[in-house]
Amino acid sequence: MQRSRLIDAAGIETFAYCEGTGPPIVMLHGWASTADMWQPVLNKLGTDYQVIAPDLPGHGRTAGGRQPFGIAFFRRWLAGLFDALKLPQATLIGNSMGGAISLAYTQAHQERVTRLVLVDALGLSEAIPWSTVPRIMRRMPHLVAAAITRQADPHLLRWVDSLIVADPWGQPRETILETIRLNSRQGIWPLWSGLRLLLADFLLPSQRRDFTRRLADIRVPTLIVWGRHDGLLPVAHAFAGAQTIPSSQVVVLERSSHEPMLEEPAEFVRAVRAFLNGAG
């Protein structure tokens, strides 16, 4: 088990796993998730790097309910985390909503980001993934059953099956169940934080267009990692981002869905290490 600590980040008591020594890496998880999604890769990267993986505000063991959740809020919180940890610079790795936060922070503080890794990240394409809608609708009975029975397995695992992870009953099972358990302590906040961000910052076509256009200003070397079978954000979003961000490259992991660091940790670490050792 990794070491953990509580950090005052912009006035929010923030839980974070901390592993290893060396050049710092800050890893941000996605919507309704926790830092535990990084567990399979923390030790592997911690042999050469100082890895910090926080729970986002309103998630898991971090405070932050009743905050004005949105890109600007999370950007300020992340700046506070960098300051609290006395990090002049760090590599930033973000998954899904954590990827959008990483992009926004990098746009505002490029001098503090040495490398950027985007993992099935929100915000790389202005296109709405319409194919996701029928998938979610077909799975609504599983979500209803989970709410009624309060059973994560099998009901919530059926909800995430092939949508978020390719095989939730395989290697990711225990991590997913632990994430669900931790977030259940927070009540509505893990769900509301991401929904509020989407409504505030990505609902209107003009908002999505403005966000993606600003990606062209990023000069930080960037790796985009994507699961081939992502059921939320199709792999086309990875290549759209690579066309916009100047110094970027794409790696597609063939057996993953939306959480490749959880589903293919060895391949994920290999890709990240190659990028950190050779990019820029």
Protein backbone atom coordinates (compact mmCIF):
# COMPACT_ATOMS: atom_id res chain seq x y z
CA MET A 1 0.00 0.00 0.00
CA GLN A 2 1.25 3.46 -0.90
CA ARG A 3 1.99 6.17 1.63
CA SER A 4 -0.75 8.75 1.93
CA ARG A 5 -1.07 12.22 3.37
CA LEU A 6 -3.52 15.08 3.76
CA ILE A 7 -2.59 18.34 2.01
CA ASP A 8 -4.16 21.78 2.37
CA ALA A 9 -4.65 22.70 -1.29
CA ALA A 10 -6.26 26.12 -1.74
CA GLY A 11 -8.04 25.64 1.58
CA ILE A 12 -9.37 22.16 0.74
CA GLU A 13 -8.16 19.19 2.78
CA THR A 14 -6.91 16.89 0.04
CA PHE A 15 -6.06 13.21 0.36
CA ALA A 16 -3.19 11.99 -1.84
CA TYR A 17 -1.13 8.88 -2.35
CA CYS A 18 2.57 9.71 -2.43
CA GLU A 19 5.11 7.25 -3.75
CA GLY A 20 8.81 7.35 -4.57
CA THR A 21 11.39 10.07 -5.04
CA GLY A 22 12.69 11.87 -8.10
CA PRO A 23 11.11 14.17 -10.68
CA PRO A 24 7.49 14.79 -9.61
CA ILE A 25 4.40 13.44 -11.36
CA VAL A 26 0.88 14.57 -10.37
CA MET A 27 -1.89 12.21 -11.48
CA LEU A 28 -5.57 13.25 -11.64
CA HIS A 29 -8.39 10.72 -11.85
CA GLY A 30 -11.73 11.16 -13.59
CA TRP A 31 -15.33 11.90 -12.72
CA ALA A 32 -16.84 9.83 -9.86
CA SER A 33 -13.53 8.02 -9.40
CA THR A 34 -10.69 8.23 -6.87
CA ALA A 35 -6.90 8.12 -6.81
CA ASP A 36 -7.18 4.35 -6.37
CA MET A 37 -7.58 4.08 -10.14
CA TRP A 38 -3.82 4.74 -10.33
CA GLN A 39 -2.90 1.98 -7.85
CA PRO A 40 -1.65 -0.51 -10.47
CA VAL A 41 0.92 2.00 -11.80
CA LEU A 42 1.96 3.95 -8.69
CA ASN A 43 4.62 1.52 -7.48
CA LYS A 44 6.00 1.00 -10.97
CA LEU A 45 6.45 4.72 -11.62
CA GLY A 46 7.49 5.37 -8.01
CA THR A 47 10.79 3.56 -8.54
CA ASP A 48 12.12 6.59 -10.47
CA TYR A 49 9.66 9.40 -9.83
CA GLN A 50 7.89 11.16 -6.99
CA VAL A 51 4.27 10.27 -7.76
CA ILE A 52 1.41 12.22 -6.18
CA ALA A 53 -2.13 10.95 -6.84
CA PRO A 54 -4.84 13.01 -5.07
CA ASP A 55 -8.55 12.43 -4.73
CA LEU A 56 -10.21 15.33 -6.51
CA PRO A 57 -12.33 17.69 -4.37
CA GLY A 58 -15.68 16.11 -3.56
CA HIS A 59 -14.33 12.63 -4.23
CA GLY A 60 -13.15 9.80 -2.01
CA ARG A 61 -11.28 11.11 1.04
CA THR A 62 -10.92 14.74 -0.08
CA ALA A 63 -13.16 17.50 1.23
CA GLY A 64 -14.85 19.94 -1.10
CA GLY A 65 -18.57 19.37 -1.18
CA ARG A 66 -20.71 22.43 -1.93
CA GLN A 67 -17.94 24.01 -4.01
CA PRO A 68 -18.57 25.85 -7.33
CA PHE A 69 -17.33 22.85 -9.30
CA GLY A 70 -16.05 23.78 -12.74
CA ILE A 71 -12.83 24.09 -14.68
CA ALA A 72 -11.84 27.38 -12.99
CA PHE A 73 -12.41 25.90 -9.52
CA PHE A 74 -10.38 22.75 -10.21
CA ARG A 75 -7.61 24.80 -11.82
CA ARG A 76 -7.30 26.94 -8.67
CA TRP A 77 -7.33 23.83 -6.48
CA LEU A 78 -4.56 22.23 -8.56
CA ALA A 79 -2.48 25.41 -8.37
CA GLY A 80 -2.92 25.26 -4.59
CA LEU A 81 -1.78 21.63 -4.59
CA PHE A 82 1.39 22.51 -6.53
CA ASP A 83 2.07 25.35 -4.08
CA ALA A 84 1.41 23.24 -0.99
CA LEU A 85 3.80 20.55 -2.24
CA LYS A 86 6.36 23.21 -3.23
CA LEU A 87 6.49 21.91 -6.80
CA PRO A 88 8.03 24.47 -9.14
CA GLN A 89 7.38 22.03 -12.00
CA ALA A 90 5.88 18.58 -12.50
CA THR A 91 4.66 16.15 -15.11
CA LEU A 92 0.86 16.16 -15.16
CA ILE A 93 -1.15 13.02 -15.97
CA GLY A 94 -4.94 13.27 -16.21
CA ASN A 95 -7.65 10.73 -16.99
CA SER A 96 -11.09 11.69 -18.35
CA MET A 97 -12.29 14.74 -16.36
CA GLY A 98 -8.84 14.85 -14.77
CA GLY A 99 -7.51 15.25 -18.29
CA ALA A 100 -9.66 18.33 -18.87
CA ILE A 101 -8.43 19.79 -15.57
CA SER A 102 -4.84 19.02 -16.60
CA LEU A 103 -5.36 20.76 -19.94
CA ALA A 104 -6.84 23.85 -18.28
CA TYR A 105 -4.02 24.03 -15.74
CA THR A 106 -1.39 23.62 -18.44
CA GLN A 107 -2.93 26.38 -20.53
CA ALA A 108 -2.71 28.73 -17.54
CA HIS A 109 0.64 27.57 -16.09
CA GLN A 110 2.77 26.15 -18.88
CA GLU A 111 5.95 27.10 -17.04
CA ARG A 112 5.04 24.65 -14.26
CA VAL A 113 4.26 21.61 -16.44
CA THR A 114 7.27 19.74 -17.81
CA ARG A 115 5.31 16.97 -19.57
CA LEU A 116 1.60 16.34 -20.10
CA VAL A 117 -0.03 12.91 -20.36
CA LEU A 118 -3.71 12.79 -21.31
CA VAL A 119 -5.51 9.49 -20.71
CA ASP A 120 -8.89 9.17 -22.45
CA ALA A 121 -9.24 12.84 -21.64
CA LEU A 122 -12.29 15.05 -21.83
CA GLY A 123 -11.78 18.22 -23.85
CA LEU A 124 -9.70 17.10 -26.83
CA SER A 125 -12.55 17.30 -29.33
CA GLU A 126 -15.52 19.63 -29.63
CA ALA A 127 -17.60 16.79 -31.06
CA ILE A 128 -20.24 15.26 -28.80
CA PRO A 129 -19.80 11.45 -28.65
CA TRP A 130 -23.37 10.67 -29.68
CA SER A 131 -22.63 6.94 -29.82
CA THR A 132 -22.29 7.04 -26.03
CA VAL A 133 -25.92 8.03 -25.47
CA PRO A 134 -27.59 4.77 -26.57
CA ARG A 135 -24.99 2.75 -24.66
CA ILE A 136 -25.83 4.63 -21.47
CA MET A 137 -29.57 4.33 -22.03
CA ARG A 138 -29.38 0.57 -22.56
CA ARG A 139 -27.56 0.27 -19.24
CA MET A 140 -29.98 2.34 -17.16
CA PRO A 141 -31.74 -0.77 -15.72
CA HIS A 142 -28.42 -1.83 -14.15
CA LEU A 143 -28.03 1.60 -12.55
CA VAL A 144 -31.60 1.48 -11.24
CA ALA A 145 -31.03 -2.02 -9.86
CA ALA A 146 -27.86 -0.84 -8.12
CA ALA A 147 -29.72 2.07 -6.52
CA ILE A 148 -32.52 -0.21 -5.30
CA THR A 149 -30.40 -3.12 -4.06
CA ARG A 150 -27.30 -1.09 -3.07
CA GLN A 151 -25.19 -3.82 -4.66
CA ALA A 152 -22.17 -2.75 -6.64
CA ASP A 153 -21.51 -6.31 -7.80
CA PRO A 154 -23.12 -7.28 -10.09
CA HIS A 155 -25.28 -4.25 -10.85
CA LEU A 156 -22.80 -1.35 -11.01
CA LEU A 157 -20.23 -3.61 -12.60
CA ARG A 158 -22.75 -4.37 -15.32
CA TRP A 159 -23.16 -0.60 -15.73
CA VAL A 160 -19.43 -0.04 -16.33
CA ASP A 161 -18.93 -3.23 -18.39
CA SER A 162 -17.36 -2.27 -21.75
CA LEU A 163 -18.37 1.34 -21.13
CA ILE A 164 -15.61 2.31 -18.70
CA VAL A 165 -13.58 -0.91 -18.40
CA ALA A 166 -13.45 -3.79 -20.86
CA ASP A 167 -13.79 -6.46 -18.15
CA PRO A 168 -14.90 -5.18 -14.73
CA TRP A 169 -14.81 -8.73 -13.27
CA GLY A 170 -11.16 -9.15 -14.18
CA GLN A 171 -8.16 -7.28 -12.79
CA PRO A 172 -10.06 -3.97 -12.23
CA ARG A 173 -12.81 -5.47 -10.04
CA GLU A 174 -11.40 -4.81 -6.55
CA THR A 175 -10.24 -1.30 -7.44
CA ILE A 176 -13.65 -0.40 -8.86
CA LEU A 177 -15.46 -1.74 -5.79
CA GLU A 178 -13.12 0.20 -3.47
CA THR A 179 -13.69 3.38 -5.48
CA ILE A 180 -17.46 2.92 -5.22
CA ARG A 181 -17.17 2.33 -1.46
CA LEU A 182 -15.04 5.45 -0.92
CA ASN A 183 -17.24 7.69 -3.03
CA SER A 184 -20.41 6.48 -1.32
CA ARG A 185 -19.22 8.39 1.78
CA GLN A 186 -19.43 11.65 -0.16
CA GLY A 187 -23.12 11.34 -1.07
CA ILE A 188 -24.03 13.27 -4.23
CA TRP A 189 -20.77 15.22 -4.58
CA PRO A 190 -18.74 12.82 -6.77
CA LEU A 191 -21.58 12.78 -9.31
CA TRP A 192 -22.50 16.45 -8.99
CA SER A 193 -18.93 17.74 -9.36
CA GLY A 194 -18.50 16.25 -12.83
CA LEU A 195 -22.03 17.06 -13.94
CA ARG A 196 -21.58 20.66 -12.81
CA LEU A 197 -18.30 20.90 -14.75
CA LEU A 198 -19.92 19.53 -17.92
CA LEU A 199 -22.89 21.89 -17.65
CA ALA A 200 -20.77 24.93 -16.79
CA ASP A 201 -17.87 24.45 -19.22
CA PHE A 202 -18.76 22.02 -22.02
CA LEU A 203 -22.53 22.15 -22.59
CA LEU A 204 -22.60 24.85 -25.26
CA PRO A 205 -20.91 24.27 -28.65
CA SER A 206 -19.18 27.64 -28.29
CA GLN A 207 -17.65 26.53 -24.96
CA ARG A 208 -16.32 23.28 -26.40
CA ARG A 209 -15.00 25.10 -29.46
CA ASP A 210 -13.20 27.73 -27.38
CA PHE A 211 -11.67 25.10 -25.11
CA THR A 212 -10.32 22.98 -27.97
CA ARG A 213 -9.03 25.98 -29.91
CA ARG A 214 -6.89 27.02 -26.94
CA LEU A 215 -5.17 23.63 -27.06
CA ALA A 216 -3.13 24.95 -29.98
CA ASP A 217 -1.34 27.28 -27.54
CA ILE A 218 0.08 24.38 -25.50
CA ARG A 219 3.81 24.06 -26.05
CA VAL A 220 4.40 21.35 -23.45
CA PRO A 221 5.40 17.93 -24.87
CA THR A 222 2.22 15.86 -24.70
CA LEU A 223 1.41 12.14 -24.79
CA ILE A 224 -2.17 11.10 -25.49
CA VAL A 225 -2.96 7.56 -24.29
CA TRP A 226 -6.30 5.99 -25.25
CA GLY A 227 -8.10 2.71 -24.80
CA ARG A 228 -9.17 1.33 -28.16
CA HIS A 229 -12.57 0.27 -26.78
CA ASP A 230 -13.46 3.39 -24.79
CA GLY A 231 -17.24 3.38 -24.50
CA LEU A 232 -17.47 7.02 -23.36
CA LEU A 233 -15.00 8.97 -25.50
CA PRO A 234 -14.12 7.32 -28.83
CA VAL A 235 -10.52 6.99 -29.92
CA ALA A 236 -11.15 9.61 -32.62
CA HIS A 237 -10.93 12.21 -29.83
CA ALA A 238 -7.30 11.23 -29.24
CA PHE A 239 -6.35 11.96 -32.84
CA ALA A 240 -8.38 15.19 -32.85
CA GLY A 241 -6.33 16.35 -29.86
CA ALA A 242 -3.07 15.35 -31.54
CA GLN A 243 -3.97 17.47 -34.56
CA THR A 244 -4.45 20.51 -32.33
CA ILE A 245 -1.69 20.23 -29.70
CA PRO A 246 1.60 20.93 -31.51
CA SER A 247 4.09 18.70 -29.64
CA SER A 248 1.89 15.66 -29.14
CA GLN A 249 1.83 11.95 -29.92
CA VAL A 250 -0.78 9.20 -29.54
CA VAL A 251 -0.51 5.69 -28.10
CA VAL A 252 -3.57 3.42 -28.34
CA LEU A 253 -3.80 0.48 -25.96
CA GLU A 254 -5.66 -2.33 -27.67
CA ARG A 255 -7.26 -4.17 -24.73
CA SER A 256 -8.53 -1.17 -22.78
CA SER A 257 -11.66 0.92 -22.52
CA HIS A 258 -11.77 4.22 -20.60
CA GLU A 259 -9.24 3.34 -17.85
CA PRO A 260 -6.10 1.94 -19.56
CA MET A 261 -3.88 2.54 -16.51
CA LEU A 262 -6.17 0.15 -14.62
CA GLU A 263 -6.71 -2.34 -17.44
CA GLU A 264 -3.23 -2.51 -19.01
CA PRO A 265 -0.89 -1.12 -16.33
CA ALA A 266 2.32 -2.63 -17.72
CA GLU A 267 1.66 -1.28 -21.20
CA PHE A 268 0.60 2.07 -19.76
CA VAL A 269 3.78 2.43 -17.69
CA ARG A 270 5.89 1.39 -20.67
CA ALA A 271 4.34 4.10 -22.84
CA VAL A 272 4.67 6.78 -20.14
CA ARG A 273 8.28 5.88 -19.37
CA ALA A 274 9.24 5.95 -23.05
CA PHE A 275 7.64 9.38 -23.36
CA LEU A 276 9.25 10.81 -20.22
CA ASN A 277 12.65 9.49 -21.22
CA GLY A 278 12.49 10.61 -24.81
CA ALA A 279 10.05 13.49 -25.33
CA GLY A 280 11.28 17.03 -25.69
